[in-house]
Amino acid sequence: MPILARTKIGRGYRTTVPREVRKLLGIGESDEVEWIFEDGKVIIRKGAMGMATRCPYCGFEGELRLIKTWRYRFYDVKMFSCPNCRGVFNYYSGVSPTGKRSEFVVRLKPRARTPASRGGAR
């Protein structure tokens, strides 16, 4: 297995994630990474996205279904669906040209479950 990069452990047992790894994982400032110990190896992977880990409709904190991703100006946008309430929302995260990191959720219309939930029988 080839070595991708090397870093040193600094004060407070901190280290920098090398540029090569950040690019491969698609991570930036304030993103979370997960450290997994498996078969005598430590694996690092991109973690959950802070606000998007909870459904804005029902508060579900489990695994959300990723529907699609795209880029809008300086935001990375991810559309999620909640397996609990079936609500759909967009999660925006990015760094503005001034260097300010921002993330927010835009609620989309919850999916209709039955014709009765759309305003009664027709």
C-alpha atoms as a PDB file:
ATOM      1  CA  MET A   1       0.000   0.000   0.000  1.00  0.00           C
ATOM      2  CA  PRO A   2       1.645   3.302  -1.079  1.00  0.00           C
ATOM      3  CA  ILE A   3       1.966   6.195   1.380  1.00  0.00           C
ATOM      4  CA  LEU A   4      -0.273   9.090   0.356  1.00  0.00           C
ATOM      5  CA  ALA A   5       1.210  11.703   2.721  1.00  0.00           C
ATOM      6  CA  ARG A   6       2.915  12.129   6.108  1.00  0.00           C
ATOM      7  CA  THR A   7       2.097  14.505   8.967  1.00  0.00           C
ATOM      8  CA  LYS A   8       3.410  15.078  12.489  1.00  0.00           C
ATOM      9  CA  ILE A   9       1.445  15.080  15.707  1.00  0.00           C
ATOM     10  CA  GLY A  10       1.538  18.530  17.297  1.00  0.00           C
ATOM     11  CA  ARG A  11       0.513  20.126  20.566  1.00  0.00           C
ATOM     12  CA  GLY A  12      -2.718  18.670  21.931  1.00  0.00           C
ATOM     13  CA  TYR A  13      -2.199  15.581  19.724  1.00  0.00           C
ATOM     14  CA  ARG A  14      -3.404  17.502  16.660  1.00  0.00           C
ATOM     15  CA  THR A  15      -2.404  16.947  13.074  1.00  0.00           C
ATOM     16  CA  THR A  16      -3.216  18.541   9.724  1.00  0.00           C
ATOM     17  CA  VAL A  17      -5.159  16.596   7.122  1.00  0.00           C
ATOM     18  CA  PRO A  18      -2.896  16.687   4.048  1.00  0.00           C
ATOM     19  CA  ARG A  19      -4.095  18.458   0.903  1.00  0.00           C
ATOM     20  CA  GLU A  20      -4.102  15.178  -1.062  1.00  0.00           C
ATOM     21  CA  VAL A  21      -6.432  13.554   1.480  1.00  0.00           C
ATOM     22  CA  ARG A  22      -8.710  16.635   1.655  1.00  0.00           C
ATOM     23  CA  LYS A  23      -9.096  16.575  -2.123  1.00  0.00           C
ATOM     24  CA  LEU A  24      -9.769  12.831  -2.250  1.00  0.00           C
ATOM     25  CA  LEU A  25     -12.390  13.001   0.509  1.00  0.00           C
ATOM     26  CA  GLY A  26     -13.837  16.361  -0.558  1.00  0.00           C
ATOM     27  CA  ILE A  27     -13.495  17.882   2.903  1.00  0.00           C
ATOM     28  CA  GLY A  28     -12.947  21.468   3.989  1.00  0.00           C
ATOM     29  CA  GLU A  29     -12.864  23.582   7.132  1.00  0.00           C
ATOM     30  CA  SER A  30     -15.473  22.637   9.764  1.00  0.00           C
ATOM     31  CA  ASP A  31     -16.266  19.323   8.033  1.00  0.00           C
ATOM     32  CA  GLU A  32     -16.280  16.243  10.223  1.00  0.00           C
ATOM     33  CA  VAL A  33     -14.168  13.161   9.625  1.00  0.00           C
ATOM     34  CA  GLU A  34     -14.663   9.735  11.154  1.00  0.00           C
ATOM     35  CA  TRP A  35     -11.801   7.600  12.464  1.00  0.00           C
ATOM     36  CA  ILE A  36     -12.524   3.886  12.244  1.00  0.00           C
ATOM     37  CA  PHE A  37     -10.376   1.075  13.642  1.00  0.00           C
ATOM     38  CA  GLU A  38     -10.836  -2.095  11.594  1.00  0.00           C
ATOM     39  CA  ASP A  39      -8.607  -5.166  11.159  1.00  0.00           C
ATOM     40  CA  GLY A  40      -5.636  -3.457  12.810  1.00  0.00           C
ATOM     41  CA  LYS A  41      -5.906  -0.378  10.522  1.00  0.00           C
ATOM     42  CA  VAL A  42      -7.215   3.118  11.099  1.00  0.00           C
ATOM     43  CA  ILE A  43      -9.501   4.378   8.350  1.00  0.00           C
ATOM     44  CA  ILE A  44     -10.444   8.039   7.928  1.00  0.00           C
ATOM     45  CA  ARG A  45     -13.563   8.993   5.993  1.00  0.00           C
ATOM     46  CA  LYS A  46     -15.741  12.018   5.535  1.00  0.00           C
ATOM     47  CA  GLY A  47     -18.235  12.242   8.370  1.00  0.00           C
ATOM     48  CA  ALA A  48     -21.801  13.413   8.647  1.00  0.00           C
ATOM     49  CA  MET A  49     -22.629  17.012   7.797  1.00  0.00           C
ATOM     50  CA  GLY A  50     -23.565  18.857  10.985  1.00  0.00           C
ATOM     51  CA  MET A  51     -27.019  20.274  10.273  1.00  0.00           C
ATOM     52  CA  ALA A  52     -27.973  17.663   7.707  1.00  0.00           C
ATOM     53  CA  THR A  53     -27.753  14.841  10.230  1.00  0.00           C
ATOM     54  CA  ARG A  54     -31.150  15.862  11.578  1.00  0.00           C
ATOM     55  CA  CYS A  55     -34.368  16.086   9.606  1.00  0.00           C
ATOM     56  CA  PRO A  56     -35.816  19.629   9.887  1.00  0.00           C
ATOM     57  CA  TYR A  57     -39.362  18.193   9.801  1.00  0.00           C
ATOM     58  CA  CYS A  58     -39.336  15.405  12.408  1.00  0.00           C
ATOM     59  CA  GLY A  59     -35.878  15.630  14.038  1.00  0.00           C
ATOM     60  CA  PHE A  60     -34.771  12.156  12.856  1.00  0.00           C
ATOM     61  CA  GLU A  61     -31.002  11.784  13.475  1.00  0.00           C
ATOM     62  CA  GLY A  62     -30.245   8.553  11.618  1.00  0.00           C
ATOM     63  CA  GLU A  63     -29.059   7.843   8.090  1.00  0.00           C
ATOM     64  CA  LEU A  64     -30.694  10.200   5.580  1.00  0.00           C
ATOM     65  CA  ARG A  65     -31.123   9.222   1.929  1.00  0.00           C
ATOM     66  CA  LEU A  66     -29.031  11.359  -0.431  1.00  0.00           C
ATOM     67  CA  ILE A  67     -31.107  12.091  -3.535  1.00  0.00           C
ATOM     68  CA  LYS A  68     -28.721  14.302  -5.532  1.00  0.00           C
ATOM     69  CA  THR A  69     -25.924  16.855  -5.253  1.00  0.00           C
ATOM     70  CA  TRP A  70     -24.992  19.961  -7.228  1.00  0.00           C
ATOM     71  CA  ARG A  71     -23.108  23.245  -6.963  1.00  0.00           C
ATOM     72  CA  TYR A  72     -24.857  26.630  -6.670  1.00  0.00           C
ATOM     73  CA  ARG A  73     -22.497  29.619  -6.706  1.00  0.00           C
ATOM     74  CA  PHE A  74     -20.071  28.865  -3.861  1.00  0.00           C
ATOM     75  CA  TYR A  75     -22.388  26.333  -2.139  1.00  0.00           C
ATOM     76  CA  ASP A  76     -22.308  22.559  -2.348  1.00  0.00           C
ATOM     77  CA  VAL A  77     -25.963  21.523  -2.263  1.00  0.00           C
ATOM     78  CA  LYS A  78     -27.247  18.101  -1.212  1.00  0.00           C
ATOM     79  CA  MET A  79     -30.868  17.035  -1.418  1.00  0.00           C
ATOM     80  CA  PHE A  80     -31.866  14.597   1.329  1.00  0.00           C
ATOM     81  CA  SER A  81     -34.950  12.522   2.047  1.00  0.00           C
ATOM     82  CA  CYS A  82     -35.888  11.424   5.568  1.00  0.00           C
ATOM     83  CA  PRO A  83     -36.780   7.713   5.852  1.00  0.00           C
ATOM     84  CA  ASN A  84     -38.906   8.462   8.919  1.00  0.00           C
ATOM     85  CA  CYS A  85     -41.306  11.196   7.700  1.00  0.00           C
ATOM     86  CA  ARG A  86     -40.368  11.173   3.981  1.00  0.00           C
ATOM     87  CA  GLY A  87     -39.725  14.920   4.078  1.00  0.00           C
ATOM     88  CA  VAL A  88     -37.294  16.338   1.511  1.00  0.00           C
ATOM     89  CA  PHE A  89     -34.849  19.179   2.146  1.00  0.00           C
ATOM     90  CA  ASN A  90     -31.731  20.780   0.676  1.00  0.00           C
ATOM     91  CA  TYR A  91     -28.553  21.214   2.707  1.00  0.00           C
ATOM     92  CA  TYR A  92     -26.292  24.081   1.571  1.00  0.00           C
ATOM     93  CA  SER A  93     -22.673  24.418   2.720  1.00  0.00           C
ATOM     94  CA  GLY A  94     -19.843  26.552   1.422  1.00  0.00           C
ATOM     95  CA  VAL A  95     -17.279  29.261   1.933  1.00  0.00           C
ATOM     96  CA  SER A  96     -18.106  32.726   0.589  1.00  0.00           C
ATOM     97  CA  PRO A  97     -15.576  34.783  -1.397  1.00  0.00           C
ATOM     98  CA  THR A  98     -14.920  36.732   1.827  1.00  0.00           C
ATOM     99  CA  GLY A  99     -13.911  33.499   3.575  1.00  0.00           C
ATOM    100  CA  LYS A 100     -17.004  33.099   5.766  1.00  0.00           C
ATOM    101  CA  ARG A 101     -18.195  29.497   6.178  1.00  0.00           C
ATOM    102  CA  SER A 102     -21.961  29.053   6.094  1.00  0.00           C
ATOM    103  CA  GLU A 103     -24.392  26.180   6.085  1.00  0.00           C
ATOM    104  CA  PHE A 104     -28.160  26.094   6.161  1.00  0.00           C
ATOM    105  CA  VAL A 105     -31.167  23.935   5.345  1.00  0.00           C
ATOM    106  CA  VAL A 106     -34.029  24.790   3.003  1.00  0.00           C
ATOM    107  CA  ARG A 107     -37.189  22.804   3.588  1.00  0.00           C
ATOM    108  CA  LEU A 108     -38.924  21.572   0.475  1.00  0.00           C
ATOM    109  CA  LYS A 109     -42.529  20.476   0.324  1.00  0.00           C
ATOM    110  CA  PRO A 110     -43.028  17.224   2.248  1.00  0.00           C
ATOM    111  CA  ARG A 111     -43.973  14.371  -0.043  1.00  0.00           C
ATOM    112  CA  ALA A 112     -47.692  13.675  -0.264  1.00  0.00           C
ATOM    113  CA  ARG A 113     -48.512  10.206   1.031  1.00  0.00           C
ATOM    114  CA  THR A 114     -52.126   9.804  -0.042  1.00  0.00           C
ATOM    115  CA  PRO A 115     -54.646  11.798  -2.077  1.00  0.00           C
ATOM    116  CA  ALA A 116     -56.433  12.638   1.195  1.00  0.00           C
ATOM    117  CA  SER A 117     -53.342  14.437   2.505  1.00  0.00           C
ATOM    118  CA  ARG A 118     -53.445  16.831  -0.475  1.00  0.00           C
ATOM    119  CA  GLY A 119     -56.633  18.557   0.597  1.00  0.00           C
ATOM    120  CA  GLY A 120     -59.280  15.889   0.903  1.00  0.00           C
ATOM    121  CA  ALA A 121     -61.034  13.478  -1.414  1.00  0.00           C
ATOM    122  CA  ARG A 122     -61.806  14.599  -4.939  1.00  0.00           C
END
